[in-house]
Each structure stands twice: as C-alpha cells, then as structure tokens.
Amino acid sequence: MTERADGVIELRAALPVPADQCWFWAERWQEREREVDGHVTAGRVAVHESTEDFLGHLDELEAE
C-alpha cells in the first residue's frame, strides 16, 4: 500500500512467495524436503571437508 503525493492510496497485489521461487513450495518438493530432514535427524548424512573427499566418498559407494 502506498500513499501518493496527490493523496491517492495505491494498493498493489503482492505474492507471498516470489514467482521465481514457487517451485520450492510445490507439494512434491516439500515431500522431498521432509525426506531429507528425516535423513539428517537420523544421522544418515556425510559431511566432507573438500570436493576431493566428497568425490572419493562417491567412488567408494560405487565400488560397493
């Protein structure tokens, strides 16, 4: 809402979520977010100090 210098009050519609970010709030994406939260809570995650460590971990998984 904006009041102009001539006293007119302008109302402009505003989206609660910017259009370029609406994909994040799609139900399927939110399901995946909850799934990841579950993995994090259960400790089923790995943290890597570097890109090389991460890629090495992927190589180990592939070898299994």
PDB file of N, CA and C in Angstrom:
ATOM      1  N   MET A   1       0.859  -1.155   0.000  1.00  0.00           N
ATOM      2  CA  MET A   1       0.000   0.000   0.000  1.00  0.00           C
ATOM      3  C   MET A   1       0.910   1.223   0.000  1.00  0.00           C
ATOM      4  N   THR A   2       0.595   2.177  -0.875  1.00  0.00           N
ATOM      5  CA  THR A   2       1.389   3.396  -0.990  1.00  0.00           C
ATOM      6  C   THR A   2       0.467   4.601  -1.091  1.00  0.00           C
ATOM      7  N   GLU A   3       0.798   5.633  -0.353  1.00  0.00           N
ATOM      8  CA  GLU A   3       0.050   6.894  -0.500  1.00  0.00           C
ATOM      9  C   GLU A   3       0.860   7.804  -1.402  1.00  0.00           C
ATOM     10  N   ARG A   4       0.236   8.233  -2.500  1.00  0.00           N
ATOM     11  CA  ARG A   4       0.908   9.129  -3.432  1.00  0.00           C
ATOM     12  C   ARG A   4       0.831  10.562  -2.924  1.00  0.00           C
ATOM     13  N   ALA A   5       1.623  11.452  -3.546  1.00  0.00           N
ATOM     14  CA  ALA A   5       1.655  12.871  -3.154  1.00  0.00           C
ATOM     15  C   ALA A   5       0.292  13.538  -3.332  1.00  0.00           C
ATOM     16  N   ASP A   6      -0.534  13.045  -4.273  1.00  0.00           N
ATOM     17  CA  ASP A   6      -1.850  13.647  -4.502  1.00  0.00           C
ATOM     18  C   ASP A   6      -2.921  13.078  -3.577  1.00  0.00           C
ATOM     19  N   GLY A   7      -2.499  12.243  -2.598  1.00  0.00           N
ATOM     20  CA  GLY A   7      -3.437  11.722  -1.618  1.00  0.00           C
ATOM     21  C   GLY A   7      -4.077  10.404  -1.982  1.00  0.00           C
ATOM     22  N   VAL A   8      -3.863   9.939  -3.192  1.00  0.00           N
ATOM     23  CA  VAL A   8      -4.434   8.661  -3.618  1.00  0.00           C
ATOM     24  C   VAL A   8      -3.631   7.525  -2.978  1.00  0.00           C
ATOM     25  N   ILE A   9      -4.354   6.546  -2.482  1.00  0.00           N
ATOM     26  CA  ILE A   9      -3.698   5.371  -1.904  1.00  0.00           C
ATOM     27  C   ILE A   9      -3.745   4.253  -2.938  1.00  0.00           C
ATOM     28  N   GLU A  10      -2.576   3.761  -3.283  1.00  0.00           N
ATOM     29  CA  GLU A  10      -2.470   2.680  -4.261  1.00  0.00           C
ATOM     30  C   GLU A  10      -2.290   1.359  -3.529  1.00  0.00           C
ATOM     31  N   LEU A  11      -3.065   0.378  -3.966  1.00  0.00           N
ATOM     32  CA  LEU A  11      -2.928  -0.978  -3.440  1.00  0.00           C
ATOM     33  C   LEU A  11      -2.326  -1.835  -4.541  1.00  0.00           C
ATOM     34  N   ARG A  12      -1.262  -2.503  -4.224  1.00  0.00           N
ATOM     35  CA  ARG A  12      -0.606  -3.379  -5.199  1.00  0.00           C
ATOM     36  C   ARG A  12      -0.602  -4.795  -4.642  1.00  0.00           C
ATOM     37  N   ALA A  13      -1.021  -5.703  -5.479  1.00  0.00           N
ATOM     38  CA  ALA A  13      -1.014  -7.112  -5.069  1.00  0.00           C
ATOM     39  C   ALA A  13       0.422  -7.580  -4.877  1.00  0.00           C
ATOM     40  N   ALA A  14       0.622  -8.366  -3.870  1.00  0.00           N
ATOM     41  CA  ALA A  14       1.952  -8.933  -3.619  1.00  0.00           C
ATOM     42  C   ALA A  14       1.807 -10.432  -3.408  1.00  0.00           C
ATOM     43  N   LEU A  15       2.666 -11.177  -4.050  1.00  0.00           N
ATOM     44  CA  LEU A  15       2.661 -12.621  -3.864  1.00  0.00           C
ATOM     45  C   LEU A  15       3.415 -12.954  -2.588  1.00  0.00           C
ATOM     46  N   PRO A  16       2.913 -13.890  -1.794  1.00  0.00           N
ATOM     47  CA  PRO A  16       3.630 -14.255  -0.575  1.00  0.00           C
ATOM     48  C   PRO A  16       4.973 -14.924  -0.865  1.00  0.00           C
ATOM     49  N   VAL A  17       5.083 -15.513  -2.052  1.00  0.00           N
ATOM     50  CA  VAL A  17       6.325 -16.150  -2.474  1.00  0.00           C
ATOM     51  C   VAL A  17       6.653 -15.596  -3.855  1.00  0.00           C
ATOM     52  N   PRO A  18       7.877 -15.123  -4.050  1.00  0.00           N
ATOM     53  CA  PRO A  18       8.250 -14.642  -5.390  1.00  0.00           C
ATOM     54  C   PRO A  18       8.041 -15.732  -6.441  1.00  0.00           C
ATOM     55  N   ALA A  19       7.572 -15.338  -7.607  1.00  0.00           N
ATOM     56  CA  ALA A  19       7.239 -16.298  -8.665  1.00  0.00           C
ATOM     57  C   ALA A  19       8.423 -17.189  -9.030  1.00  0.00           C
ATOM     58  N   ASP A  20       9.640 -16.656  -8.976  1.00  0.00           N
ATOM     59  CA  ASP A  20      10.789 -17.469  -9.358  1.00  0.00           C
ATOM     60  C   ASP A  20      11.199 -18.465  -8.278  1.00  0.00           C
ATOM     61  N   GLN A  21      10.503 -18.450  -7.128  1.00  0.00           N
ATOM     62  CA  GLN A  21      10.801 -19.395  -6.063  1.00  0.00           C
ATOM     63  C   GLN A  21       9.618 -20.317  -5.747  1.00  0.00           C
ATOM     64  N   CYS A  22       8.563 -20.242  -6.532  1.00  0.00           N
ATOM     65  CA  CYS A  22       7.367 -21.035  -6.223  1.00  0.00           C
ATOM     66  C   CYS A  22       7.603 -22.532  -6.345  1.00  0.00           C
ATOM     67  N   TRP A  23       8.580 -22.971  -7.155  1.00  0.00           N
ATOM     68  CA  TRP A  23       8.882 -24.397  -7.286  1.00  0.00           C
ATOM     69  C   TRP A  23       9.198 -25.021  -5.926  1.00  0.00           C
ATOM     70  N   PHE A  24       9.852 -24.248  -5.057  1.00  0.00           N
ATOM     71  CA  PHE A  24      10.257 -24.778  -3.759  1.00  0.00           C
ATOM     72  C   PHE A  24       9.048 -25.173  -2.923  1.00  0.00           C
ATOM     73  N   TRP A  25       7.933 -24.497  -3.118  1.00  0.00           N
ATOM     74  CA  TRP A  25       6.748 -24.745  -2.303  1.00  0.00           C
ATOM     75  C   TRP A  25       5.781 -25.737  -2.929  1.00  0.00           C
ATOM     76  N   ALA A  26       6.154 -26.322  -4.066  1.00  0.00           N
ATOM     77  CA  ALA A  26       5.327 -27.367  -4.678  1.00  0.00           C
ATOM     78  C   ALA A  26       5.285 -28.566  -3.723  1.00  0.00           C
ATOM     79  N   GLU A  27       4.166 -29.248  -3.652  1.00  0.00           N
ATOM     80  CA  GLU A  27       3.997 -30.348  -2.699  1.00  0.00           C
ATOM     81  C   GLU A  27       5.065 -31.424  -2.870  1.00  0.00           C
ATOM     82  N   ARG A  28       5.364 -31.800  -4.106  1.00  0.00           N
ATOM     83  CA  ARG A  28       6.377 -32.846  -4.334  1.00  0.00           C
ATOM     84  C   ARG A  28       7.733 -32.410  -3.790  1.00  0.00           C
ATOM     85  N   TRP A  29       8.106 -31.140  -3.996  1.00  0.00           N
ATOM     86  CA  TRP A  29       9.385 -30.670  -3.493  1.00  0.00           C
ATOM     87  C   TRP A  29       9.398 -30.682  -1.960  1.00  0.00           C
ATOM     88  N   GLN A  30       8.290 -30.279  -1.359  1.00  0.00           N
ATOM     89  CA  GLN A  30       8.206 -30.278   0.094  1.00  0.00           C
ATOM     90  C   GLN A  30       8.283 -31.696   0.663  1.00  0.00           C
ATOM     91  N   GLU A  31       7.719 -32.665  -0.056  1.00  0.00           N
ATOM     92  CA  GLU A  31       7.848 -34.067   0.363  1.00  0.00           C
ATOM     93  C   GLU A  31       9.319 -34.461   0.409  1.00  0.00           C
ATOM     94  N   ARG A  32      10.061 -34.076  -0.607  1.00  0.00           N
ATOM     95  CA  ARG A  32      11.487 -34.388  -0.652  1.00  0.00           C
ATOM     96  C   ARG A  32      12.238 -33.677   0.468  1.00  0.00           C
ATOM     97  N   GLU A  33      11.854 -32.436   0.753  1.00  0.00           N
ATOM     98  CA  GLU A  33      12.494 -31.714   1.853  1.00  0.00           C
ATOM     99  C   GLU A  33      12.278 -32.446   3.179  1.00  0.00           C
ATOM    100  N   ARG A  34      11.056 -32.923   3.404  1.00  0.00           N
ATOM    101  CA  ARG A  34      10.776 -33.668   4.633  1.00  0.00           C
ATOM    102  C   ARG A  34      11.568 -34.973   4.678  1.00  0.00           C
ATOM    103  N   GLU A  35      11.721 -35.620   3.532  1.00  0.00           N
ATOM    104  CA  GLU A  35      12.503 -36.851   3.464  1.00  0.00           C
ATOM    105  C   GLU A  35      13.962 -36.577   3.860  1.00  0.00           C
ATOM    106  N   VAL A  36      14.523 -35.521   3.326  1.00  0.00           N
ATOM    107  CA  VAL A  36      15.905 -35.158   3.670  1.00  0.00           C
ATOM    108  C   VAL A  36      16.009 -34.810   5.145  1.00  0.00           C
ATOM    109  N   ASP A  37      15.048 -34.061   5.670  1.00  0.00           N
ATOM    110  CA  ASP A  37      15.064 -33.736   7.102  1.00  0.00           C
ATOM    111  C   ASP A  37      15.103 -35.005   7.946  1.00  0.00           C
ATOM    112  N   GLY A  38      14.372 -36.028   7.520  1.00  0.00           N
ATOM    113  CA  GLY A  38      14.368 -37.300   8.236  1.00  0.00           C
ATOM    114  C   GLY A  38      15.741 -37.955   8.221  1.00  0.00           C
ATOM    115  N   HIS A  39      16.417 -37.907   7.077  1.00  0.00           N
ATOM    116  CA  HIS A  39      17.761 -38.469   6.979  1.00  0.00           C
ATOM    117  C   HIS A  39      18.732 -37.715   7.896  1.00  0.00           C
ATOM    118  N   VAL A  40      18.632 -36.401   7.906  1.00  0.00           N
ATOM    119  CA  VAL A  40      19.511 -35.593   8.751  1.00  0.00           C
ATOM    120  C   VAL A  40      19.259 -35.906  10.220  1.00  0.00           C
ATOM    121  N   THR A  41      17.994 -35.952  10.614  1.00  0.00           N
ATOM    122  CA  THR A  41      17.640 -36.247  12.002  1.00  0.00           C
ATOM    123  C   THR A  41      18.165 -37.608  12.441  1.00  0.00           C
ATOM    124  N   ALA A  42      18.103 -38.589  11.536  1.00  0.00           N
ATOM    125  CA  ALA A  42      18.549 -39.949  11.854  1.00  0.00           C
ATOM    126  C   ALA A  42      20.064 -40.112  11.743  1.00  0.00           C
ATOM    127  N   GLY A  43      20.744 -39.065  11.311  1.00  0.00           N
ATOM    128  CA  GLY A  43      22.195 -39.146  11.197  1.00  0.00           C
ATOM    129  C   GLY A  43      22.684 -39.857   9.958  1.00  0.00           C
ATOM    130  N   ARG A  44      21.810 -40.023   8.971  1.00  0.00           N
ATOM    131  CA  ARG A  44      22.201 -40.696   7.731  1.00  0.00           C
ATOM    132  C   ARG A  44      22.720 -39.683   6.715  1.00  0.00           C
ATOM    133  N   VAL A  45      23.747 -38.959   7.123  1.00  0.00           N
ATOM    134  CA  VAL A  45      24.359 -37.953   6.251  1.00  0.00           C
ATOM    135  C   VAL A  45      25.871 -38.054   6.387  1.00  0.00           C
ATOM    136  N   ALA A  46      26.569 -37.505   5.433  1.00  0.00           N
ATOM    137  CA  ALA A  46      28.028 -37.438   5.488  1.00  0.00           C
ATOM    138  C   ALA A  46      28.434 -36.002   5.193  1.00  0.00           C
ATOM    139  N   VAL A  47      29.414 -35.523   5.942  1.00  0.00           N
ATOM    140  CA  VAL A  47      29.949 -34.179   5.725  1.00  0.00           C
ATOM    141  C   VAL A  47      31.374 -34.332   5.226  1.00  0.00           C
ATOM    142  N   HIS A  48      31.702 -33.622   4.184  1.00  0.00           N
ATOM    143  CA  HIS A  48      33.024 -33.727   3.574  1.00  0.00           C
ATOM    144  C   HIS A  48      33.741 -32.388   3.665  1.00  0.00           C
ATOM    145  N   GLU A  49      35.021 -32.454   3.950  1.00  0.00           N
ATOM    146  CA  GLU A  49      35.831 -31.246   4.116  1.00  0.00           C
ATOM    147  C   GLU A  49      36.225 -30.614   2.788  1.00  0.00           C
ATOM    148  N   SER A  50      36.186 -31.404   1.727  1.00  0.00           N
ATOM    149  CA  SER A  50      36.614 -30.874   0.426  1.00  0.00           C
ATOM    150  C   SER A  50      35.870 -31.594  -0.694  1.00  0.00           C
ATOM    151  N   THR A  51      35.988 -31.033  -1.871  1.00  0.00           N
ATOM    152  CA  THR A  51      35.397 -31.658  -3.054  1.00  0.00           C
ATOM    153  C   THR A  51      36.044 -33.017  -3.301  1.00  0.00           C
ATOM    154  N   GLU A  52      37.353 -33.087  -3.096  1.00  0.00           N
ATOM    155  CA  GLU A  52      38.062 -34.346  -3.312  1.00  0.00           C
ATOM    156  C   GLU A  52      37.557 -35.427  -2.352  1.00  0.00           C
ATOM    157  N   ASP A  53      37.337 -35.064  -1.096  1.00  0.00           N
ATOM    158  CA  ASP A  53      36.795 -36.020  -0.131  1.00  0.00           C
ATOM    159  C   ASP A  53      35.412 -36.505  -0.562  1.00  0.00           C
ATOM    160  N   PHE A  54      34.595 -35.575  -1.028  1.00  0.00           N
ATOM    161  CA  PHE A  54      33.248 -35.924  -1.480  1.00  0.00           C
ATOM    162  C   PHE A  54      33.304 -36.887  -2.662  1.00  0.00           C
ATOM    163  N   LEU A  55      34.136 -36.560  -3.651  1.00  0.00           N
ATOM    164  CA  LEU A  55      34.234 -37.421  -4.826  1.00  0.00           C
ATOM    165  C   LEU A  55      34.810 -38.794  -4.469  1.00  0.00           C
ATOM    166  N   GLY A  56      35.753 -38.817  -3.539  1.00  0.00           N
ATOM    167  CA  GLY A  56      36.283 -40.096  -3.067  1.00  0.00           C
ATOM    168  C   GLY A  56      35.201 -40.942  -2.411  1.00  0.00           C
ATOM    169  N   HIS A  57      34.343 -40.292  -1.638  1.00  0.00           N
ATOM    170  CA  HIS A  57      33.224 -40.991  -0.989  1.00  0.00           C
ATOM    171  C   HIS A  57      32.294 -41.588  -2.045  1.00  0.00           C
ATOM    172  N   LEU A  58      32.006 -40.819  -3.084  1.00  0.00           N
ATOM    173  CA  LEU A  58      31.149 -41.338  -4.161  1.00  0.00           C
ATOM    174  C   LEU A  58      31.799 -42.542  -4.843  1.00  0.00           C
ATOM    175  N   ASP A  59      33.103 -42.471  -5.052  1.00  0.00           N
ATOM    176  CA  ASP A  59      33.812 -43.607  -5.657  1.00  0.00           C
ATOM    177  C   ASP A  59      33.705 -44.850  -4.772  1.00  0.00           C
ATOM    178  N   GLU A  60      33.832 -44.667  -3.452  1.00  0.00           N
ATOM    179  CA  GLU A  60      33.693 -45.788  -2.521  1.00  0.00           C
ATOM    180  C   GLU A  60      32.296 -46.390  -2.592  1.00  0.00           C
ATOM    181  N   LEU A  61      31.290 -45.558  -2.680  1.00  0.00           N
ATOM    182  CA  LEU A  61      29.920 -46.063  -2.768  1.00  0.00           C
ATOM    183  C   LEU A  61      29.704 -46.853  -4.055  1.00  0.00           C
ATOM    184  N   GLU A  62      30.292 -46.349  -5.131  1.00  0.00           N
ATOM    185  CA  GLU A  62      30.161 -47.022  -6.429  1.00  0.00           C
ATOM    186  C   GLU A  62      30.832 -48.388  -6.391  1.00  0.00           C
ATOM    187  N   ALA A  63      31.947 -48.518  -5.665  1.00  0.00           N
ATOM    188  CA  ALA A  63      32.698 -49.767  -5.592  1.00  0.00           C
ATOM    189  C   ALA A  63      31.982 -50.824  -4.760  1.00  0.00           C
ATOM    190  N   GLU A  64      31.060 -50.407  -3.899  1.00  0.00           N
ATOM    191  CA  GLU A  64      30.361 -51.361  -3.032  1.00  0.00           C
ATOM    192  C   GLU A  64      29.423 -52.253  -3.788  1.00  0.00           C
TER     193      GLU A  64
END
